[in-house]
Amino acid sequence: MAGTGKIGEVVSRVFTGFGRTVLAYDSQPTATCKQMGLRDVPLKELLSLSHNVTLHWRLTPATHHLIDAGGLERMKRGVMLINTSRGAVIDTRAVLRGLKDGAIGHLGLNVYEEEADLFFEAL
């Protein structure tokens, strides 16, 4: 899991409730997540060890396209990638290539990188 703010804490409770080991990457891990037993690891390690990767970040210059082709190459083949942060946290073109070649087995998005032109308009 990447991002241990309020949403990350809730997701962590769900996964730990199922007895899963949760790896976390965050520049400022919360005390609550530490108390739950989350293992704080560097992003490269999280990506290479995880079967499921969930993203819970704000969009900043540092998080823009943080999951790109290089990040996808580090992930286990067939990984489940869930993005509930902002669309531009992932490189959409790289993720689409990953879906087509089987690098990503499952993808869940509630946001899209170029969503500004799709929402908030009467169509």
PDB file of N, CA and C in Angstrom:
ATOM      1  N   MET A   1       0.840  -1.157   0.000  1.00  0.00           N
ATOM      2  CA  MET A   1       0.000   0.000   0.000  1.00  0.00           C
ATOM      3  C   MET A   1       0.889   1.225   0.000  1.00  0.00           C
ATOM      4  N   ALA A   2       0.551   2.176  -0.796  1.00  0.00           N
ATOM      5  CA  ALA A   2       1.300   3.421  -0.853  1.00  0.00           C
ATOM      6  C   ALA A   2       0.396   4.562  -0.422  1.00  0.00           C
ATOM      7  N   GLY A   3       0.775   5.201   0.655  1.00  0.00           N
ATOM      8  CA  GLY A   3      -0.012   6.275   1.228  1.00  0.00           C
ATOM      9  C   GLY A   3      -0.736   5.786   2.465  1.00  0.00           C
ATOM     10  N   THR A   4      -0.342   6.296   3.636  1.00  0.00           N
ATOM     11  CA  THR A   4      -0.918   5.801   4.888  1.00  0.00           C
ATOM     12  C   THR A   4      -1.715   6.872   5.618  1.00  0.00           C
ATOM     13  N   GLY A   5      -2.366   7.745   4.866  1.00  0.00           N
ATOM     14  CA  GLY A   5      -3.249   8.739   5.473  1.00  0.00           C
ATOM     15  C   GLY A   5      -4.559   8.081   5.893  1.00  0.00           C
ATOM     16  N   LYS A   6      -5.618   8.847   5.939  1.00  0.00           N
ATOM     17  CA  LYS A   6      -6.910   8.335   6.414  1.00  0.00           C
ATOM     18  C   LYS A   6      -7.401   7.147   5.587  1.00  0.00           C
ATOM     19  N   ILE A   7      -7.348   7.267   4.268  1.00  0.00           N
ATOM     20  CA  ILE A   7      -7.813   6.164   3.415  1.00  0.00           C
ATOM     21  C   ILE A   7      -6.882   4.970   3.553  1.00  0.00           C
ATOM     22  N   GLY A   8      -5.587   5.213   3.571  1.00  0.00           N
ATOM     23  CA  GLY A   8      -4.618   4.131   3.748  1.00  0.00           C
ATOM     24  C   GLY A   8      -4.823   3.373   5.047  1.00  0.00           C
ATOM     25  N   GLU A   9      -5.158   4.086   6.102  1.00  0.00           N
ATOM     26  CA  GLU A   9      -5.430   3.428   7.387  1.00  0.00           C
ATOM     27  C   GLU A   9      -6.627   2.488   7.278  1.00  0.00           C
ATOM     28  N   VAL A  10      -7.700   2.952   6.627  1.00  0.00           N
ATOM     29  CA  VAL A  10      -8.900   2.120   6.489  1.00  0.00           C
ATOM     30  C   VAL A  10      -8.589   0.878   5.653  1.00  0.00           C
ATOM     31  N   VAL A  11      -7.901   1.064   4.550  1.00  0.00           N
ATOM     32  CA  VAL A  11      -7.531  -0.072   3.702  1.00  0.00           C
ATOM     33  C   VAL A  11      -6.642  -1.046   4.484  1.00  0.00           C
ATOM     34  N   SER A  12      -5.736  -0.522   5.274  1.00  0.00           N
ATOM     35  CA  SER A  12      -4.861  -1.372   6.088  1.00  0.00           C
ATOM     36  C   SER A  12      -5.657  -2.216   7.073  1.00  0.00           C
ATOM     37  N   ARG A  13      -6.661  -1.610   7.685  1.00  0.00           N
ATOM     38  CA  ARG A  13      -7.502  -2.365   8.632  1.00  0.00           C
ATOM     39  C   ARG A  13      -8.202  -3.535   7.918  1.00  0.00           C
ATOM     40  N   VAL A  14      -8.655  -3.280   6.705  1.00  0.00           N
ATOM     41  CA  VAL A  14      -9.326  -4.338   5.953  1.00  0.00           C
ATOM     42  C   VAL A  14      -8.357  -5.481   5.672  1.00  0.00           C
ATOM     43  N   PHE A  15      -7.192  -5.160   5.129  1.00  0.00           N
ATOM     44  CA  PHE A  15      -6.225  -6.211   4.780  1.00  0.00           C
ATOM     45  C   PHE A  15      -5.699  -6.934   6.013  1.00  0.00           C
ATOM     46  N   THR A  16      -5.374  -6.203   7.083  1.00  0.00           N
ATOM     47  CA  THR A  16      -4.887  -6.878   8.290  1.00  0.00           C
ATOM     48  C   THR A  16      -5.998  -7.709   8.922  1.00  0.00           C
ATOM     49  N   GLY A  17      -7.253  -7.272   8.753  1.00  0.00           N
ATOM     50  CA  GLY A  17      -8.390  -8.049   9.257  1.00  0.00           C
ATOM     51  C   GLY A  17      -8.502  -9.411   8.591  1.00  0.00           C
ATOM     52  N   PHE A  18      -8.004  -9.514   7.374  1.00  0.00           N
ATOM     53  CA  PHE A  18      -7.979 -10.793   6.663  1.00  0.00           C
ATOM     54  C   PHE A  18      -6.680 -11.555   6.916  1.00  0.00           C
ATOM     55  N   GLY A  19      -5.864 -11.046   7.851  1.00  0.00           N
ATOM     56  CA  GLY A  19      -4.620 -11.720   8.188  1.00  0.00           C
ATOM     57  C   GLY A  19      -3.495 -11.490   7.190  1.00  0.00           C
ATOM     58  N   ARG A  20      -3.612 -10.474   6.345  1.00  0.00           N
ATOM     59  CA  ARG A  20      -2.593 -10.185   5.337  1.00  0.00           C
ATOM     60  C   ARG A  20      -1.467  -9.345   5.924  1.00  0.00           C
ATOM     61  N   THR A  21      -0.288  -9.572   5.444  1.00  0.00           N
ATOM     62  CA  THR A  21       0.843  -8.709   5.776  1.00  0.00           C
ATOM     63  C   THR A  21       0.737  -7.473   4.888  1.00  0.00           C
ATOM     64  N   VAL A  22       0.839  -6.311   5.489  1.00  0.00           N
ATOM     65  CA  VAL A  22       0.708  -5.080   4.728  1.00  0.00           C
ATOM     66  C   VAL A  22       2.038  -4.334   4.742  1.00  0.00           C
ATOM     67  N   LEU A  23       2.560  -4.110   3.552  1.00  0.00           N
ATOM     68  CA  LEU A  23       3.750  -3.280   3.381  1.00  0.00           C
ATOM     69  C   LEU A  23       3.268  -1.873   3.078  1.00  0.00           C
ATOM     70  N   ALA A  24       3.953  -0.891   3.616  1.00  0.00           N
ATOM     71  CA  ALA A  24       3.525   0.488   3.414  1.00  0.00           C
ATOM     72  C   ALA A  24       4.693   1.346   2.972  1.00  0.00           C
ATOM     73  N   TYR A  25       4.375   2.284   2.094  1.00  0.00           N
ATOM     74  CA  TYR A  25       5.343   3.289   1.678  1.00  0.00           C
ATOM     75  C   TYR A  25       4.689   4.641   1.839  1.00  0.00           C
ATOM     76  N   ASP A  26       5.307   5.502   2.627  1.00  0.00           N
ATOM     77  CA  ASP A  26       4.808   6.854   2.814  1.00  0.00           C
ATOM     78  C   ASP A  26       5.945   7.686   3.382  1.00  0.00           C
ATOM     79  N   SER A  27       6.068   8.911   2.915  1.00  0.00           N
ATOM     80  CA  SER A  27       7.132   9.780   3.440  1.00  0.00           C
ATOM     81  C   SER A  27       6.868  10.162   4.890  1.00  0.00           C
ATOM     82  N   GLN A  28       5.598  10.061   5.312  1.00  0.00           N
ATOM     83  CA  GLN A  28       5.233  10.377   6.691  1.00  0.00           C
ATOM     84  C   GLN A  28       4.244   9.336   7.206  1.00  0.00           C
ATOM     85  N   PRO A  29       4.729   8.117   7.543  1.00  0.00           N
ATOM     86  CA  PRO A  29       3.813   7.086   8.023  1.00  0.00           C
ATOM     87  C   PRO A  29       3.128   7.511   9.324  1.00  0.00           C
ATOM     88  N   THR A  30       1.867   7.137   9.454  1.00  0.00           N
ATOM     89  CA  THR A  30       1.103   7.521  10.645  1.00  0.00           C
ATOM     90  C   THR A  30       1.388   6.565  11.797  1.00  0.00           C
ATOM     91  N   ALA A  31       1.212   7.065  13.009  1.00  0.00           N
ATOM     92  CA  ALA A  31       1.403   6.248  14.206  1.00  0.00           C
ATOM     93  C   ALA A  31       0.402   5.096  14.223  1.00  0.00           C
ATOM     94  N   THR A  32      -0.826   5.350  13.761  1.00  0.00           N
ATOM     95  CA  THR A  32      -1.856   4.307  13.750  1.00  0.00           C
ATOM     96  C   THR A  32      -1.421   3.138  12.882  1.00  0.00           C
ATOM     97  N   CYS A  33      -0.886   3.428  11.703  1.00  0.00           N
ATOM     98  CA  CYS A  33      -0.440   2.350  10.816  1.00  0.00           C
ATOM     99  C   CYS A  33       0.719   1.582  11.439  1.00  0.00           C
ATOM    100  N   LYS A  34       1.599   2.269  12.111  1.00  0.00           N
ATOM    101  CA  LYS A  34       2.706   1.591  12.800  1.00  0.00           C
ATOM    102  C   LYS A  34       2.160   0.673  13.889  1.00  0.00           C
ATOM    103  N   GLN A  35       1.142   1.147  14.625  1.00  0.00           N
ATOM    104  CA  GLN A  35       0.538   0.344  15.685  1.00  0.00           C
ATOM    105  C   GLN A  35      -0.156  -0.900  15.133  1.00  0.00           C
ATOM    106  N   MET A  36      -0.670  -0.802  13.912  1.00  0.00           N
ATOM    107  CA  MET A  36      -1.328  -1.953  13.282  1.00  0.00           C
ATOM    108  C   MET A  36      -0.313  -2.984  12.791  1.00  0.00           C
ATOM    109  N   GLY A  37       0.958  -2.632  12.828  1.00  0.00           N
ATOM    110  CA  GLY A  37       1.985  -3.587  12.415  1.00  0.00           C
ATOM    111  C   GLY A  37       2.376  -3.504  10.957  1.00  0.00           C
ATOM    112  N   LEU A  38       2.033  -2.420  10.299  1.00  0.00           N
ATOM    113  CA  LEU A  38       2.450  -2.268   8.900  1.00  0.00           C
ATOM    114  C   LEU A  38       3.962  -2.186   8.827  1.00  0.00           C
ATOM    115  N   ARG A  39       4.513  -2.808   7.822  1.00  0.00           N
ATOM    116  CA  ARG A  39       5.963  -2.777   7.619  1.00  0.00           C
ATOM    117  C   ARG A  39       6.280  -1.669   6.630  1.00  0.00           C
ATOM    118  N   ASP A  40       6.961  -0.625   7.098  1.00  0.00           N
ATOM    119  CA  ASP A  40       7.320   0.516   6.262  1.00  0.00           C
ATOM    120  C   ASP A  40       8.545   0.152   5.431  1.00  0.00           C
ATOM    121  N   VAL A  41       8.418   0.227   4.110  1.00  0.00           N
ATOM    122  CA  VAL A  41       9.490  -0.171   3.198  1.00  0.00           C
ATOM    123  C   VAL A  41       9.654   0.880   2.103  1.00  0.00           C
ATOM    124  N   PRO A  42      10.808   0.909   1.440  1.00  0.00           N
ATOM    125  CA  PRO A  42      10.960   1.799   0.284  1.00  0.00           C
ATOM    126  C   PRO A  42      10.013   1.383  -0.842  1.00  0.00           C
ATOM    127  N   LEU A  43       9.663   2.330  -1.694  1.00  0.00           N
ATOM    128  CA  LEU A  43       8.710   2.062  -2.785  1.00  0.00           C
ATOM    129  C   LEU A  43       9.168   0.915  -3.676  1.00  0.00           C
ATOM    130  N   LYS A  44      10.438   0.880  -4.042  1.00  0.00           N
ATOM    131  CA  LYS A  44      10.929  -0.193  -4.923  1.00  0.00           C
ATOM    132  C   LYS A  44      10.695  -1.563  -4.299  1.00  0.00           C
ATOM    133  N   GLU A  45      10.905  -1.674  -2.991  1.00  0.00           N
ATOM    134  CA  GLU A  45      10.684  -2.950  -2.305  1.00  0.00           C
ATOM    135  C   GLU A  45       9.200  -3.288  -2.257  1.00  0.00           C
ATOM    136  N   LEU A  46       8.375  -2.301  -1.965  1.00  0.00           N
ATOM    137  CA  LEU A  46       6.931  -2.528  -1.932  1.00  0.00           C
ATOM    138  C   LEU A  46       6.446  -3.054  -3.272  1.00  0.00           C
ATOM    139  N   LEU A  47       6.875  -2.412  -4.353  1.00  0.00           N
ATOM    140  CA  LEU A  47       6.432  -2.830  -5.685  1.00  0.00           C
ATOM    141  C   LEU A  47       6.900  -4.231  -6.029  1.00  0.00           C
ATOM    142  N   SER A  48       8.112  -4.591  -5.656  1.00  0.00           N
ATOM    143  CA  SER A  48       8.647  -5.900  -6.043  1.00  0.00           C
ATOM    144  C   SER A  48       8.103  -7.047  -5.193  1.00  0.00           C
ATOM    145  N   LEU A  49       7.626  -6.775  -3.986  1.00  0.00           N
ATOM    146  CA  LEU A  49       7.159  -7.842  -3.095  1.00  0.00           C
ATOM    147  C   LEU A  49       5.646  -8.023  -3.070  1.00  0.00           C
ATOM    148  N   SER A  50       4.903  -7.043  -3.544  1.00  0.00           N
ATOM    149  CA  SER A  50       3.447  -7.053  -3.360  1.00  0.00           C
ATOM    150  C   SER A  50       2.697  -7.739  -4.493  1.00  0.00           C
ATOM    151  N   HIS A  51       1.652  -8.470  -4.112  1.00  0.00           N
ATOM    152  CA  HIS A  51       0.730  -9.064  -5.081  1.00  0.00           C
ATOM    153  C   HIS A  51      -0.378  -8.071  -5.424  1.00  0.00           C
ATOM    154  N   ASN A  52      -0.696  -7.204  -4.454  1.00  0.00           N
ATOM    155  CA  ASN A  52      -1.718  -6.172  -4.615  1.00  0.00           C
ATOM    156  C   ASN A  52      -1.087  -4.846  -4.228  1.00  0.00           C
ATOM    157  N   VAL A  53      -1.234  -3.856  -5.077  1.00  0.00           N
ATOM    158  CA  VAL A  53      -0.699  -2.522  -4.788  1.00  0.00           C
ATOM    159  C   VAL A  53      -1.858  -1.545  -4.834  1.00  0.00           C
ATOM    160  N   THR A  54      -2.080  -0.848  -3.712  1.00  0.00           N
ATOM    161  CA  THR A  54      -3.118   0.173  -3.673  1.00  0.00           C
ATOM    162  C   THR A  54      -2.452   1.525  -3.455  1.00  0.00           C
ATOM    163  N   LEU A  55      -2.944   2.527  -4.157  1.00  0.00           N
ATOM    164  CA  LEU A  55      -2.342   3.860  -4.123  1.00  0.00           C
ATOM    165  C   LEU A  55      -3.293   4.852  -3.485  1.00  0.00           C
ATOM    166  N   HIS A  56      -2.775   5.614  -2.523  1.00  0.00           N
ATOM    167  CA  HIS A  56      -3.581   6.585  -1.773  1.00  0.00           C
ATOM    168  C   HIS A  56      -2.753   7.848  -1.555  1.00  0.00           C
ATOM    169  N   TRP A  57      -2.435   8.574  -2.624  1.00  0.00           N
ATOM    170  CA  TRP A  57      -1.584   9.761  -2.555  1.00  0.00           C
ATOM    171  C   TRP A  57      -2.299  10.989  -3.059  1.00  0.00           C
ATOM    172  N   ARG A  58      -1.834  12.126  -2.577  1.00  0.00           N
ATOM    173  CA  ARG A  58      -2.213  13.393  -3.191  1.00  0.00           C
ATOM    174  C   ARG A  58      -1.373  13.553  -4.450  1.00  0.00           C
ATOM    175  N   LEU A  59      -1.859  14.283  -5.414  1.00  0.00           N
ATOM    176  CA  LEU A  59      -1.069  14.558  -6.608  1.00  0.00           C
ATOM    177  C   LEU A  59      -0.183  15.762  -6.338  1.00  0.00           C
ATOM    178  N   THR A  60       1.104  15.538  -6.394  1.00  0.00           N
ATOM    179  CA  THR A  60       2.112  16.585  -6.223  1.00  0.00           C
ATOM    180  C   THR A  60       3.146  16.385  -7.325  1.00  0.00           C
ATOM    181  N   PRO A  61       4.053  17.309  -7.499  1.00  0.00           N
ATOM    182  CA  PRO A  61       5.122  17.063  -8.473  1.00  0.00           C
ATOM    183  C   PRO A  61       5.905  15.776  -8.162  1.00  0.00           C
ATOM    184  N   ALA A  62       6.041  15.437  -6.890  1.00  0.00           N
ATOM    185  CA  ALA A  62       6.780  14.226  -6.507  1.00  0.00           C
ATOM    186  C   ALA A  62       6.011  12.939  -6.788  1.00  0.00           C
ATOM    187  N   THR A  63       4.669  13.005  -6.817  1.00  0.00           N
ATOM    188  CA  THR A  63       3.885  11.790  -7.051  1.00  0.00           C
ATOM    189  C   THR A  63       3.372  11.672  -8.476  1.00  0.00           C
ATOM    190  N   HIS A  64       3.570  12.700  -9.304  1.00  0.00           N
ATOM    191  CA  HIS A  64       3.116  12.645 -10.695  1.00  0.00           C
ATOM    192  C   HIS A  64       3.830  11.500 -11.422  1.00  0.00           C
ATOM    193  N   HIS A  65       3.061  10.578 -11.988  1.00  0.00           N
ATOM    194  CA  HIS A  65       3.573   9.407 -12.716  1.00  0.00           C
ATOM    195  C   HIS A  65       4.563   8.596 -11.876  1.00  0.00           C
ATOM    196  N   LEU A  66       4.306   8.551 -10.579  1.00  0.00           N
ATOM    197  CA  LEU A  66       5.182   7.756  -9.712  1.00  0.00           C
ATOM    198  C   LEU A  66       5.126   6.285 -10.100  1.00  0.00           C
ATOM    199  N   ILE A  67       3.966   5.849 -10.585  1.00  0.00           N
ATOM    200  CA  ILE A  67       3.863   4.503 -11.134  1.00  0.00           C
ATOM    201  C   ILE A  67       3.941   4.647 -12.645  1.00  0.00           C
ATOM    202  N   ASP A  68       5.107   4.335 -13.177  1.00  0.00           N
ATOM    203  CA  ASP A  68       5.379   4.465 -14.610  1.00  0.00           C
ATOM    204  C   ASP A  68       5.885   3.122 -15.134  1.00  0.00           C
ATOM    205  N   ALA A  69       6.443   3.106 -16.324  1.00  0.00           N
ATOM    206  CA  ALA A  69       6.934   1.847 -16.906  1.00  0.00           C
ATOM    207  C   ALA A  69       7.979   1.200 -16.014  1.00  0.00           C
ATOM    208  N   GLY A  70       8.868   2.003 -15.433  1.00  0.00           N
ATOM    209  CA  GLY A  70       9.884   1.452 -14.533  1.00  0.00           C
ATOM    210  C   GLY A  70       9.273   0.829 -13.290  1.00  0.00           C
ATOM    211  N   GLY A  71       8.273   1.494 -12.723  1.00  0.00           N
ATOM    212  CA  GLY A  71       7.584   0.944 -11.558  1.00  0.00           C
ATOM    213  C   GLY A  71       6.862  -0.351 -11.888  1.00  0.00           C
ATOM    214  N   LEU A  72       6.247  -0.392 -13.066  1.00  0.00           N
ATOM    215  CA  LEU A  72       5.539  -1.605 -13.483  1.00  0.00           C
ATOM    216  C   LEU A  72       6.510  -2.766 -13.683  1.00  0.00           C
ATOM    217  N   GLU A  73       7.705  -2.481 -14.176  1.00  0.00           N
ATOM    218  CA  GLU A  73       8.705  -3.534 -14.362  1.00  0.00           C
ATOM    219  C   GLU A  73       9.132  -4.148 -13.035  1.00  0.00           C
ATOM    220  N   ARG A  74       9.071  -3.379 -11.960  1.00  0.00           N
ATOM    221  CA  ARG A  74       9.461  -3.882 -10.642  1.00  0.00           C
ATOM    222  C   ARG A  74       8.379  -4.776 -10.035  1.00  0.00           C
ATOM    223  N   MET A  75       7.142  -4.631 -10.490  1.00  0.00           N
ATOM    224  CA  MET A  75       6.019  -5.354  -9.889  1.00  0.00           C
ATOM    225  C   MET A  75       5.986  -6.809 -10.336  1.00  0.00           C
ATOM    226  N   LYS A  76       5.370  -7.632  -9.492  1.00  0.00           N
ATOM    227  CA  LYS A  76       5.157  -9.036  -9.843  1.00  0.00           C
ATOM    228  C   LYS A  76       4.251  -9.112 -11.066  1.00  0.00           C
ATOM    229  N   ARG A  77       4.524 -10.044 -11.921  1.00  0.00           N
ATOM    230  CA  ARG A  77       3.685 -10.231 -13.106  1.00  0.00           C
ATOM    231  C   ARG A  77       2.276 -10.620 -12.666  1.00  0.00           C
ATOM    232  N   GLY A  78       1.281  -9.982 -13.243  1.00  0.00           N
ATOM    233  CA  GLY A  78      -0.109 -10.266 -12.889  1.00  0.00           C
ATOM    234  C   GLY A  78      -0.594  -9.514 -11.656  1.00  0.00           C
ATOM    235  N   VAL A  79       0.145  -8.509 -11.220  1.00  0.00           N
ATOM    236  CA  VAL A  79      -0.192  -7.735 -10.028  1.00  0.00           C
ATOM    237  C   VAL A  79      -1.585  -7.129 -10.132  1.00  0.00           C
ATOM    238  N   MET A  80      -2.213  -6.929  -8.986  1.00  0.00           N
ATOM    239  CA  MET A  80      -3.457  -6.167  -8.921  1.00  0.00           C
ATOM    240  C   MET A  80      -3.081  -4.758  -8.513  1.00  0.00           C
ATOM    241  N   LEU A  81      -3.414  -3.777  -9.342  1.00  0.00           N
ATOM    242  CA  LEU A  81      -3.092  -2.378  -9.087  1.00  0.00           C
ATOM    243  C   LEU A  81      -4.385  -1.598  -8.919  1.00  0.00           C
ATOM    244  N   ILE A  82      -4.524  -0.935  -7.764  1.00  0.00           N
ATOM    245  CA  ILE A  82      -5.714  -0.151  -7.459  1.00  0.00           C
ATOM    246  C   ILE A  82      -5.283   1.289  -7.220  1.00  0.00           C
ATOM    247  N   ASN A  83      -5.858   2.225  -7.953  1.00  0.00           N
ATOM    248  CA  ASN A  83      -5.539   3.640  -7.760  1.00  0.00           C
ATOM    249  C   ASN A  83      -6.784   4.382  -7.310  1.00  0.00           C
ATOM    250  N   THR A  84      -6.771   4.823  -6.045  1.00  0.00           N
ATOM    251  CA  THR A  84      -7.874   5.628  -5.525  1.00  0.00           C
ATOM    252  C   THR A  84      -7.400   7.038  -5.198  1.00  0.00           C
ATOM    253  N   SER A  85      -6.209   7.388  -5.671  1.00  0.00           N
ATOM    254  CA  SER A  85      -5.686   8.721  -5.386  1.00  0.00           C
ATOM    255  C   SER A  85      -6.065   9.673  -6.507  1.00  0.00           C
ATOM    256  N   ARG A  86      -5.142  10.111  -7.293  1.00  0.00           N
ATOM    257  CA  ARG A  86      -5.402  10.967  -8.440  1.00  0.00           C
ATOM    258  C   ARG A  86      -4.924  10.260  -9.691  1.00  0.00           C
ATOM    259  N   GLY A  87      -5.574  10.522 -10.794  1.00  0.00           N
ATOM    260  CA  GLY A  87      -5.270   9.813 -12.030  1.00  0.00           C
ATOM    261  C   GLY A  87      -3.834   9.937 -12.478  1.00  0.00           C
ATOM    262  N   ALA A  88      -3.257  11.116 -12.337  1.00  0.00           N
ATOM    263  CA  ALA A  88      -1.907  11.343 -12.844  1.00  0.00           C
ATOM    264  C   ALA A  88      -0.820  10.745 -11.960  1.00  0.00           C
ATOM    265  N   VAL A  89      -1.194  10.065 -10.880  1.00  0.00           N
ATOM    266  CA  VAL A  89      -0.197   9.347 -10.080  1.00  0.00           C
ATOM    267  C   VAL A  89       0.358   8.177 -10.888  1.00  0.00           C
ATOM    268  N   ILE A  90      -0.461   7.654 -11.805  1.00  0.00           N
ATOM    269  CA  ILE A  90       0.018   6.581 -12.684  1.00  0.00           C
ATOM    270  C   ILE A  90       0.151   7.114 -14.107  1.00  0.00           C
ATOM    271  N   ASP A  91       1.088   6.557 -14.816  1.00  0.00           N
ATOM    272  CA  ASP A  91       1.272   6.870 -16.236  1.00  0.00           C
ATOM    273  C   ASP A  91       0.286   5.988 -17.000  1.00  0.00           C
ATOM    274  N   THR A  92      -0.789   6.579 -17.465  1.00  0.00           N
ATOM    275  CA  THR A  92      -1.870   5.823 -18.084  1.00  0.00           C
ATOM    276  C   THR A  92      -1.389   4.980 -19.258  1.00  0.00           C
ATOM    277  N   ARG A  93      -0.562   5.537 -20.112  1.00  0.00           N
ATOM    278  CA  ARG A  93      -0.080   4.776 -21.276  1.00  0.00           C
ATOM    279  C   ARG A  93       0.727   3.551 -20.843  1.00  0.00           C
ATOM    280  N   ALA A  94       1.576   3.703 -19.833  1.00  0.00           N
ATOM    281  CA  ALA A  94       2.367   2.571 -19.340  1.00  0.00           C
ATOM    282  C   ALA A  94       1.461   1.503 -18.731  1.00  0.00           C
ATOM    283  N   VAL A  95       0.440   1.943 -18.001  1.00  0.00           N
ATOM    284  CA  VAL A  95      -0.483   0.994 -17.382  1.00  0.00           C
ATOM    285  C   VAL A  95      -1.284   0.247 -18.443  1.00  0.00           C
ATOM    286  N   LEU A  96      -1.718   0.935 -19.490  1.00  0.00           N
ATOM    287  CA  LEU A  96      -2.446   0.256 -20.570  1.00  0.00           C
ATOM    288  C   LEU A  96      -1.560  -0.790 -21.253  1.00  0.00           C
ATOM    289  N   ARG A  97      -0.296  -0.438 -21.479  1.00  0.00           N
ATOM    290  CA  ARG A  97       0.643  -1.432 -22.042  1.00  0.00           C
ATOM    291  C   ARG A  97       0.783  -2.623 -21.095  1.00  0.00           C
ATOM    292  N   GLY A  98       0.858  -2.345 -19.790  1.00  0.00           N
ATOM    293  CA  GLY A  98       0.966  -3.408 -18.801  1.00  0.00           C
ATOM    294  C   GLY A  98      -0.237  -4.324 -18.787  1.00  0.00           C
ATOM    295  N   LEU A  99      -1.417  -3.764 -18.983  1.00  0.00           N
ATOM    296  CA  LEU A  99      -2.629  -4.589 -19.075  1.00  0.00           C
ATOM    297  C   LEU A  99      -2.593  -5.476 -20.318  1.00  0.00           C
ATOM    298  N   LYS A 100      -2.195  -4.892 -21.434  1.00  0.00           N
ATOM    299  CA  LYS A 100      -2.183  -5.639 -22.694  1.00  0.00           C
ATOM    300  C   LYS A 100      -1.165  -6.762 -22.689  1.00  0.00           C
ATOM    301  N   ASP A 101      -0.017  -6.557 -22.046  1.00  0.00           N
ATOM    302  CA  ASP A 101       1.012  -7.608 -22.072  1.00  0.00           C
ATOM    303  C   ASP A 101       0.957  -8.547 -20.866  1.00  0.00           C
ATOM    304  N   GLY A 102      -0.016  -8.351 -19.961  1.00  0.00           N
ATOM    305  CA  GLY A 102      -0.189  -9.258 -18.835  1.00  0.00           C
ATOM    306  C   GLY A 102       0.642  -8.918 -17.608  1.00  0.00           C
ATOM    307  N   ALA A 103       1.415  -7.845 -17.674  1.00  0.00           N
ATOM    308  CA  ALA A 103       2.182  -7.440 -16.492  1.00  0.00           C
ATOM    309  C   ALA A 103       1.231  -7.074 -15.351  1.00  0.00           C
ATOM    310  N   ILE A 104       0.119  -6.442 -15.700  1.00  0.00           N
ATOM    311  CA  ILE A 104      -0.931  -6.137 -14.728  1.00  0.00           C
ATOM    312  C   ILE A 104      -2.063  -7.118 -14.973  1.00  0.00           C
ATOM    313  N   GLY A 105      -2.422  -7.852 -13.935  1.00  0.00           N
ATOM    314  CA  GLY A 105      -3.499  -8.823 -14.071  1.00  0.00           C
ATOM    315  C   GLY A 105      -4.865  -8.221 -13.799  1.00  0.00           C
ATOM    316  N   HIS A 106      -4.893  -7.236 -12.904  1.00  0.00           N
ATOM    317  CA  HIS A 106      -6.152  -6.612 -12.494  1.00  0.00           C
ATOM    318  C   HIS A 106      -5.887  -5.132 -12.253  1.00  0.00           C
ATOM    319  N   LEU A 107      -6.787  -4.298 -12.720  1.00  0.00           N
ATOM    320  CA  LEU A 107      -6.632  -2.862 -12.551  1.00  0.00           C
ATOM    321  C   LEU A 107      -7.942  -2.272 -12.071  1.00  0.00           C
ATOM    322  N   GLY A 108      -7.862  -1.502 -10.997  1.00  0.00           N
ATOM    323  CA  GLY A 108      -9.034  -0.809 -10.472  1.00  0.00           C
ATOM    324  C   GLY A 108      -8.748   0.674 -10.381  1.00  0.00           C
ATOM    325  N   LEU A 109      -9.577   1.468 -11.043  1.00  0.00           N
ATOM    326  CA  LEU A 109      -9.401   2.917 -11.047  1.00  0.00           C
ATOM    327  C   LEU A 109     -10.711   3.593 -10.688  1.00  0.00           C
ATOM    328  N   ASN A 110     -10.645   4.547  -9.777  1.00  0.00           N
ATOM    329  CA  ASN A 110     -11.819   5.399  -9.603  1.00  0.00           C
ATOM    330  C   ASN A 110     -11.487   6.803 -10.078  1.00  0.00           C
ATOM    331  N   VAL A 111     -10.312   6.911 -10.684  1.00  0.00           N
ATOM    332  CA  VAL A 111      -9.849   8.178 -11.253  1.00  0.00           C
ATOM    333  C   VAL A 111      -9.147   7.877 -12.564  1.00  0.00           C
ATOM    334  N   TYR A 112      -9.027   8.911 -13.388  1.00  0.00           N
ATOM    335  CA  TYR A 112      -8.389   8.746 -14.682  1.00  0.00           C
ATOM    336  C   TYR A 112      -7.529   9.972 -14.928  1.00  0.00           C
ATOM    337  N   GLU A 113      -6.354   9.756 -15.475  1.00  0.00           N
ATOM    338  CA  GLU A 113      -5.383  10.831 -15.643  1.00  0.00           C
ATOM    339  C   GLU A 113      -5.934  12.033 -16.401  1.00  0.00           C
ATOM    340  N   GLU A 114      -6.727  11.812 -17.415  1.00  0.00           N
ATOM    341  CA  GLU A 114      -7.243  12.916 -18.214  1.00  0.00           C
ATOM    342  C   GLU A 114      -8.735  13.125 -17.973  1.00  0.00           C
ATOM    343  N   GLU A 115      -9.135  12.954 -16.716  1.00  0.00           N
ATOM    344  CA  GLU A 115     -10.559  13.018 -16.386  1.00  0.00           C
ATOM    345  C   GLU A 115     -11.137  14.427 -16.422  1.00  0.00           C
ATOM    346  N   ALA A 116     -10.307  15.444 -16.385  1.00  0.00           N
ATOM    347  CA  ALA A 116     -10.822  16.820 -16.347  1.00  0.00           C
ATOM    348  C   ALA A 116     -11.756  17.116 -17.516  1.00  0.00           C
ATOM    349  N   ASP A 117     -11.492  16.544 -18.666  1.00  0.00           N
ATOM    350  CA  ASP A 117     -12.338  16.796 -19.834  1.00  0.00           C
ATOM    351  C   ASP A 117     -13.559  15.889 -19.890  1.00  0.00           C
ATOM    352  N   LEU A 118     -13.672  14.934 -18.951  1.00  0.00           N
ATOM    353  CA  LEU A 118     -14.787  13.988 -18.987  1.00  0.00           C
ATOM    354  C   LEU A 118     -15.856  14.276 -17.961  1.00  0.00           C
ATOM    355  N   PHE A 119     -15.499  14.997 -16.914  1.00  0.00           N
ATOM    356  CA  PHE A 119     -16.433  15.206 -15.806  1.00  0.00           C
ATOM    357  C   PHE A 119     -16.764  16.680 -15.647  1.00  0.00           C
ATOM    358  N   PHE A 120     -17.791  16.918 -14.862  1.00  0.00           N
ATOM    359  CA  PHE A 120     -18.212  18.269 -14.528  1.00  0.00           C
ATOM    360  C   PHE A 120     -18.727  19.057 -15.722  1.00  0.00           C
ATOM    361  N   GLU A 121     -19.240  18.336 -16.710  1.00  0.00           N
ATOM    362  CA  GLU A 121     -19.842  18.976 -17.862  1.00  0.00           C
ATOM    363  C   GLU A 121     -21.182  18.310 -18.154  1.00  0.00           C
ATOM    364  N   ALA A 122     -22.121  19.056 -18.619  1.00  0.00           N
ATOM    365  CA  ALA A 122     -23.401  18.489 -19.037  1.00  0.00           C
ATOM    366  C   ALA A 122     -23.201  17.936 -20.437  1.00  0.00           C
ATOM    367  N   LEU A 123     -23.233  16.642 -20.557  1.00  0.00           N
ATOM    368  CA  LEU A 123     -23.061  16.001 -21.871  1.00  0.00           C
ATOM    369  C   LEU A 123     -24.408  15.542 -22.361  1.00  0.00           C
TER     370      LEU A 123
END
